Amino acid sequence: MLRDNPVLKKMIETGEERVGKIATHLLSNEKLMGALQKTVSAALEAKGLVERNVQSVLSTMNIPSAADVQRLQGKIDELERVFEALSSKITELQKREATAPPAPPN
């Protein structure tokens, strides 16, 4: 196999060592890290701006956003729970009524 070749192994080790040194050097460079932080911060800010603009456009076009749909789904889930509880109570009352003795005539 190629990986068993001692020359190839030495080349891989040397390459890994050099890449490690370069990475360490780059990560210790304050200017580079500052620029990287600014870039990431700007990208996150841009993402937020795009999301707000998309929300605005969707709202203007009267199209629900994913958040709107999630809110509605939550309300639907809540209504289903209430409906199920009411159905259970109605069924229970019907069973009681069916097994109750008839009321005496007045």
N, C-alpha and C. Protein backbone atom coordinates (compact mmCIF):
# COMPACT_ATOMS: atom_id res chain seq x y z
N MET A 1 0.83 -1.19 0.00
CA MET A 1 0.00 0.00 0.00
C MET A 1 0.87 1.25 0.00
N LEU A 2 0.29 2.32 -0.50
CA LEU A 2 1.03 3.58 -0.55
C LEU A 2 1.30 4.14 0.84
N ARG A 3 0.36 3.95 1.76
CA ARG A 3 0.52 4.51 3.11
C ARG A 3 1.65 3.83 3.88
N ASP A 4 2.03 2.67 3.45
CA ASP A 4 3.12 1.96 4.11
C ASP A 4 4.49 2.44 3.63
N ASN A 5 4.51 3.22 2.58
CA ASN A 5 5.75 3.73 2.01
C ASN A 5 6.35 4.76 2.98
N PRO A 6 7.59 4.53 3.46
CA PRO A 6 8.20 5.44 4.45
C PRO A 6 8.41 6.86 3.90
N VAL A 7 8.72 6.99 2.64
CA VAL A 7 8.92 8.32 2.06
C VAL A 7 7.60 9.08 2.06
N LEU A 8 6.52 8.40 1.67
CA LEU A 8 5.20 9.03 1.64
C LEU A 8 4.77 9.39 3.06
N LYS A 9 5.02 8.52 4.02
CA LYS A 9 4.68 8.80 5.41
C LYS A 9 5.40 10.07 5.88
N LYS A 10 6.69 10.17 5.56
CA LYS A 10 7.48 11.33 5.98
C LYS A 10 6.93 12.62 5.34
N MET A 11 6.53 12.53 4.06
CA MET A 11 5.98 13.69 3.36
C MET A 11 4.66 14.13 4.02
N ILE A 12 3.84 13.15 4.37
CA ILE A 12 2.55 13.46 5.02
C ILE A 12 2.80 14.10 6.38
N GLU A 13 3.73 13.54 7.16
CA GLU A 13 4.04 14.10 8.47
C GLU A 13 4.56 15.53 8.36
N THR A 14 5.44 15.75 7.39
CA THR A 14 6.00 17.09 7.18
C THR A 14 4.90 18.06 6.79
N GLY A 15 4.02 17.63 5.88
CA GLY A 15 2.91 18.48 5.46
C GLY A 15 1.98 18.82 6.62
N GLU A 16 1.65 17.82 7.43
CA GLU A 16 0.78 18.06 8.58
C GLU A 16 1.44 19.02 9.56
N GLU A 17 2.73 18.85 9.76
CA GLU A 17 3.46 19.72 10.68
C GLU A 17 3.45 21.16 10.18
N ARG A 18 3.69 21.34 8.89
CA ARG A 18 3.71 22.69 8.32
C ARG A 18 2.33 23.34 8.37
N VAL A 19 1.31 22.57 8.06
CA VAL A 19 -0.06 23.10 8.11
C VAL A 19 -0.39 23.50 9.55
N GLY A 20 0.01 22.69 10.51
CA GLY A 20 -0.21 23.02 11.92
C GLY A 20 0.47 24.31 12.32
N LYS A 21 1.72 24.49 11.88
CA LYS A 21 2.46 25.72 12.20
C LYS A 21 1.78 26.94 11.56
N ILE A 22 1.37 26.79 10.30
CA ILE A 22 0.70 27.91 9.62
C ILE A 22 -0.60 28.26 10.32
N ALA A 23 -1.37 27.24 10.70
CA ALA A 23 -2.64 27.48 11.39
C ALA A 23 -2.40 28.18 12.72
N THR A 24 -1.41 27.72 13.46
CA THR A 24 -1.08 28.34 14.75
C THR A 24 -0.67 29.79 14.54
N HIS A 25 0.15 30.03 13.54
CA HIS A 25 0.60 31.39 13.24
C HIS A 25 -0.58 32.28 12.87
N LEU A 26 -1.47 31.78 12.02
CA LEU A 26 -2.62 32.58 11.60
C LEU A 26 -3.55 32.86 12.77
N LEU A 27 -3.78 31.86 13.61
CA LEU A 27 -4.69 32.04 14.74
C LEU A 27 -4.12 32.98 15.80
N SER A 28 -2.79 33.10 15.85
CA SER A 28 -2.19 34.01 16.83
C SER A 28 -2.06 35.43 16.29
N ASN A 29 -2.36 35.63 15.03
CA ASN A 29 -2.29 36.95 14.42
C ASN A 29 -3.55 37.75 14.80
N GLU A 30 -3.35 38.78 15.63
CA GLU A 30 -4.48 39.56 16.13
C GLU A 30 -5.22 40.29 15.02
N LYS A 31 -4.48 40.81 14.05
CA LYS A 31 -5.13 41.53 12.95
C LYS A 31 -6.02 40.60 12.15
N LEU A 32 -5.51 39.42 11.86
CA LEU A 32 -6.30 38.45 11.10
C LEU A 32 -7.54 38.04 11.88
N MET A 33 -7.37 37.75 13.17
CA MET A 33 -8.51 37.34 13.98
C MET A 33 -9.53 38.46 14.11
N GLY A 34 -9.05 39.70 14.25
CA GLY A 34 -9.96 40.84 14.31
C GLY A 34 -10.75 40.98 13.02
N ALA A 35 -10.06 40.83 11.89
CA ALA A 35 -10.73 40.92 10.59
C ALA A 35 -11.73 39.79 10.43
N LEU A 36 -11.36 38.60 10.89
CA LEU A 36 -12.25 37.45 10.80
C LEU A 36 -13.49 37.68 11.65
N GLN A 37 -13.30 38.21 12.86
CA GLN A 37 -14.45 38.50 13.73
C GLN A 37 -15.36 39.55 13.10
N LYS A 38 -14.77 40.58 12.52
CA LYS A 38 -15.57 41.61 11.87
C LYS A 38 -16.35 41.03 10.70
N THR A 39 -15.71 40.15 9.95
CA THR A 39 -16.37 39.53 8.80
C THR A 39 -17.55 38.68 9.24
N VAL A 40 -17.34 37.88 10.26
CA VAL A 40 -18.42 37.03 10.77
C VAL A 40 -19.54 37.89 11.33
N SER A 41 -19.18 38.93 12.06
CA SER A 41 -20.19 39.83 12.62
C SER A 41 -20.99 40.50 11.51
N ALA A 42 -20.30 40.97 10.48
CA ALA A 42 -20.98 41.62 9.35
C ALA A 42 -21.89 40.64 8.63
N ALA A 43 -21.44 39.40 8.49
CA ALA A 43 -22.26 38.38 7.82
C ALA A 43 -23.53 38.10 8.62
N LEU A 44 -23.40 38.01 9.94
CA LEU A 44 -24.57 37.77 10.78
C LEU A 44 -25.52 38.96 10.74
N GLU A 45 -24.96 40.15 10.73
CA GLU A 45 -25.78 41.36 10.63
C GLU A 45 -26.53 41.39 9.30
N ALA A 46 -25.83 41.05 8.22
CA ALA A 46 -26.46 41.03 6.89
C ALA A 46 -27.57 39.98 6.84
N LYS A 47 -27.32 38.84 7.46
CA LYS A 47 -28.34 37.78 7.49
C LYS A 47 -29.59 38.28 8.21
N GLY A 48 -29.40 38.95 9.33
CA GLY A 48 -30.54 39.49 10.07
C GLY A 48 -31.30 40.52 9.25
N LEU A 49 -30.57 41.37 8.55
CA LEU A 49 -31.20 42.39 7.71
C LEU A 49 -32.01 41.74 6.59
N VAL A 50 -31.44 40.74 5.97
CA VAL A 50 -32.16 40.02 4.90
C VAL A 50 -33.43 39.39 5.45
N GLU A 51 -33.33 38.75 6.62
CA GLU A 51 -34.51 38.12 7.21
C GLU A 51 -35.60 39.15 7.51
N ARG A 52 -35.21 40.31 8.04
CA ARG A 52 -36.20 41.35 8.33
C ARG A 52 -36.83 41.86 7.03
N ASN A 53 -36.02 42.04 5.99
CA ASN A 53 -36.56 42.50 4.71
C ASN A 53 -37.50 41.47 4.09
N VAL A 54 -37.15 40.21 4.20
CA VAL A 54 -38.02 39.16 3.67
C VAL A 54 -39.35 39.17 4.43
N GLN A 55 -39.28 39.32 5.76
CA GLN A 55 -40.50 39.40 6.57
C GLN A 55 -41.37 40.56 6.10
N SER A 56 -40.73 41.69 5.86
CA SER A 56 -41.46 42.88 5.42
C SER A 56 -42.13 42.64 4.07
N VAL A 57 -41.39 42.05 3.14
CA VAL A 57 -41.94 41.78 1.81
C VAL A 57 -43.10 40.80 1.91
N LEU A 58 -42.92 39.73 2.69
CA LEU A 58 -44.00 38.74 2.85
C LEU A 58 -45.24 39.39 3.46
N SER A 59 -45.01 40.23 4.45
CA SER A 59 -46.13 40.92 5.09
C SER A 59 -46.84 41.84 4.11
N THR A 60 -46.07 42.57 3.31
CA THR A 60 -46.65 43.47 2.32
C THR A 60 -47.49 42.70 1.30
N MET A 61 -47.01 41.52 0.94
CA MET A 61 -47.73 40.70 -0.04
C MET A 61 -48.81 39.84 0.62
N ASN A 62 -48.98 40.01 1.93
CA ASN A 62 -49.98 39.26 2.69
C ASN A 62 -49.73 37.75 2.61
N ILE A 63 -48.45 37.37 2.65
CA ILE A 63 -48.05 35.96 2.65
C ILE A 63 -47.52 35.64 4.03
N PRO A 64 -48.04 34.58 4.66
CA PRO A 64 -47.56 34.26 6.01
C PRO A 64 -46.12 33.78 5.99
N SER A 65 -45.40 34.16 7.02
CA SER A 65 -44.01 33.71 7.17
C SER A 65 -44.01 32.38 7.89
N ALA A 66 -42.84 31.78 8.01
CA ALA A 66 -42.71 30.51 8.73
C ALA A 66 -43.11 30.71 10.20
N ALA A 67 -42.75 31.85 10.78
CA ALA A 67 -43.12 32.13 12.16
C ALA A 67 -44.64 32.25 12.31
N ASP A 68 -45.29 32.89 11.31
CA ASP A 68 -46.75 33.00 11.33
C ASP A 68 -47.39 31.61 11.29
N VAL A 69 -46.87 30.77 10.43
CA VAL A 69 -47.41 29.41 10.29
C VAL A 69 -47.21 28.64 11.59
N GLN A 70 -46.05 28.80 12.22
CA GLN A 70 -45.79 28.10 13.49
C GLN A 70 -46.74 28.59 14.58
N ARG A 71 -46.99 29.90 14.64
CA ARG A 71 -47.94 30.42 15.63
C ARG A 71 -49.34 29.84 15.39
N LEU A 72 -49.75 29.82 14.14
CA LEU A 72 -51.06 29.26 13.82
C LEU A 72 -51.13 27.78 14.15
N GLN A 73 -50.05 27.06 13.88
CA GLN A 73 -50.03 25.63 14.21
C GLN A 73 -50.17 25.43 15.72
N GLY A 74 -49.53 26.29 16.50
CA GLY A 74 -49.66 26.22 17.95
C GLY A 74 -51.10 26.44 18.40
N LYS A 75 -51.75 27.43 17.78
CA LYS A 75 -53.15 27.70 18.11
C LYS A 75 -54.05 26.54 17.71
N ILE A 76 -53.79 25.95 16.55
CA ILE A 76 -54.57 24.80 16.10
C ILE A 76 -54.38 23.63 17.07
N ASP A 77 -53.14 23.39 17.48
CA ASP A 77 -52.88 22.31 18.44
C ASP A 77 -53.64 22.54 19.74
N GLU A 78 -53.64 23.79 20.21
CA GLU A 78 -54.35 24.11 21.45
C GLU A 78 -55.85 23.89 21.28
N LEU A 79 -56.41 24.32 20.15
CA LEU A 79 -57.84 24.12 19.90
C LEU A 79 -58.17 22.63 19.82
N GLU A 80 -57.29 21.84 19.23
CA GLU A 80 -57.53 20.39 19.17
C GLU A 80 -57.57 19.78 20.56
N ARG A 81 -56.67 20.23 21.44
CA ARG A 81 -56.68 19.72 22.82
C ARG A 81 -57.98 20.09 23.53
N VAL A 82 -58.43 21.34 23.35
CA VAL A 82 -59.68 21.78 23.97
C VAL A 82 -60.85 20.97 23.40
N PHE A 83 -60.87 20.77 22.10
CA PHE A 83 -61.94 20.01 21.46
C PHE A 83 -61.97 18.57 21.97
N GLU A 84 -60.80 17.96 22.10
CA GLU A 84 -60.73 16.59 22.60
C GLU A 84 -61.24 16.51 24.04
N ALA A 85 -60.88 17.51 24.86
CA ALA A 85 -61.35 17.53 26.24
C ALA A 85 -62.86 17.68 26.30
N LEU A 86 -63.40 18.57 25.48
CA LEU A 86 -64.86 18.75 25.44
C LEU A 86 -65.55 17.49 24.95
N SER A 87 -65.00 16.86 23.93
CA SER A 87 -65.58 15.61 23.42
C SER A 87 -65.61 14.55 24.50
N SER A 88 -64.54 14.45 25.27
CA SER A 88 -64.48 13.47 26.37
C SER A 88 -65.55 13.77 27.41
N LYS A 89 -65.71 15.03 27.75
CA LYS A 89 -66.73 15.41 28.75
C LYS A 89 -68.13 15.12 28.24
N ILE A 90 -68.39 15.41 26.97
CA ILE A 90 -69.71 15.14 26.39
C ILE A 90 -69.99 13.64 26.40
N THR A 91 -69.00 12.85 26.02
CA THR A 91 -69.17 11.40 26.02
C THR A 91 -69.44 10.90 27.43
N GLU A 92 -68.70 11.43 28.40
CA GLU A 92 -68.90 11.03 29.80
C GLU A 92 -70.31 11.40 30.27
N LEU A 93 -70.79 12.61 29.94
CA LEU A 93 -72.13 13.02 30.32
C LEU A 93 -73.20 12.15 29.65
N GLN A 94 -72.98 11.79 28.39
CA GLN A 94 -73.94 10.93 27.69
C GLN A 94 -74.00 9.55 28.34
N LYS A 95 -72.86 9.03 28.76
CA LYS A 95 -72.84 7.73 29.44
C LYS A 95 -73.59 7.80 30.77
N ARG A 96 -73.36 8.89 31.51
CA ARG A 96 -74.05 9.07 32.79
C ARG A 96 -75.56 9.16 32.59
N GLU A 97 -75.94 9.91 31.57
CA GLU A 97 -77.36 10.08 31.29
C GLU A 97 -78.02 8.76 30.89
N ALA A 98 -77.29 7.94 30.14
CA ALA A 98 -77.82 6.66 29.68
C ALA A 98 -77.97 5.67 30.83
N THR A 99 -77.10 5.77 31.83
CA THR A 99 -77.16 4.81 32.95
C THR A 99 -77.93 5.35 34.15
N ALA A 100 -78.31 6.62 34.12
CA ALA A 100 -79.05 7.21 35.24
C ALA A 100 -80.48 6.69 35.25
N PRO A 101 -81.03 6.48 36.45
CA PRO A 101 -82.45 6.05 36.51
C PRO A 101 -83.35 7.18 36.03
N PRO A 102 -84.48 6.83 35.48
CA PRO A 102 -85.39 7.87 34.97
C PRO A 102 -85.89 8.75 36.12
N ALA A 103 -86.09 9.99 35.82
CA ALA A 103 -86.58 10.95 36.83
C ALA A 103 -88.06 10.68 37.11
N PRO A 104 -88.46 10.80 38.37
CA PRO A 104 -89.89 10.57 38.69
C PRO A 104 -90.76 11.67 38.07
N PRO A 105 -91.96 11.30 37.61
CA PRO A 105 -92.85 12.32 37.03
C PRO A 105 -93.35 13.29 38.10
N ASN A 106 -93.63 14.50 37.71
CA ASN A 106 -94.12 15.54 38.65
C ASN A 106 -95.60 15.55 38.72
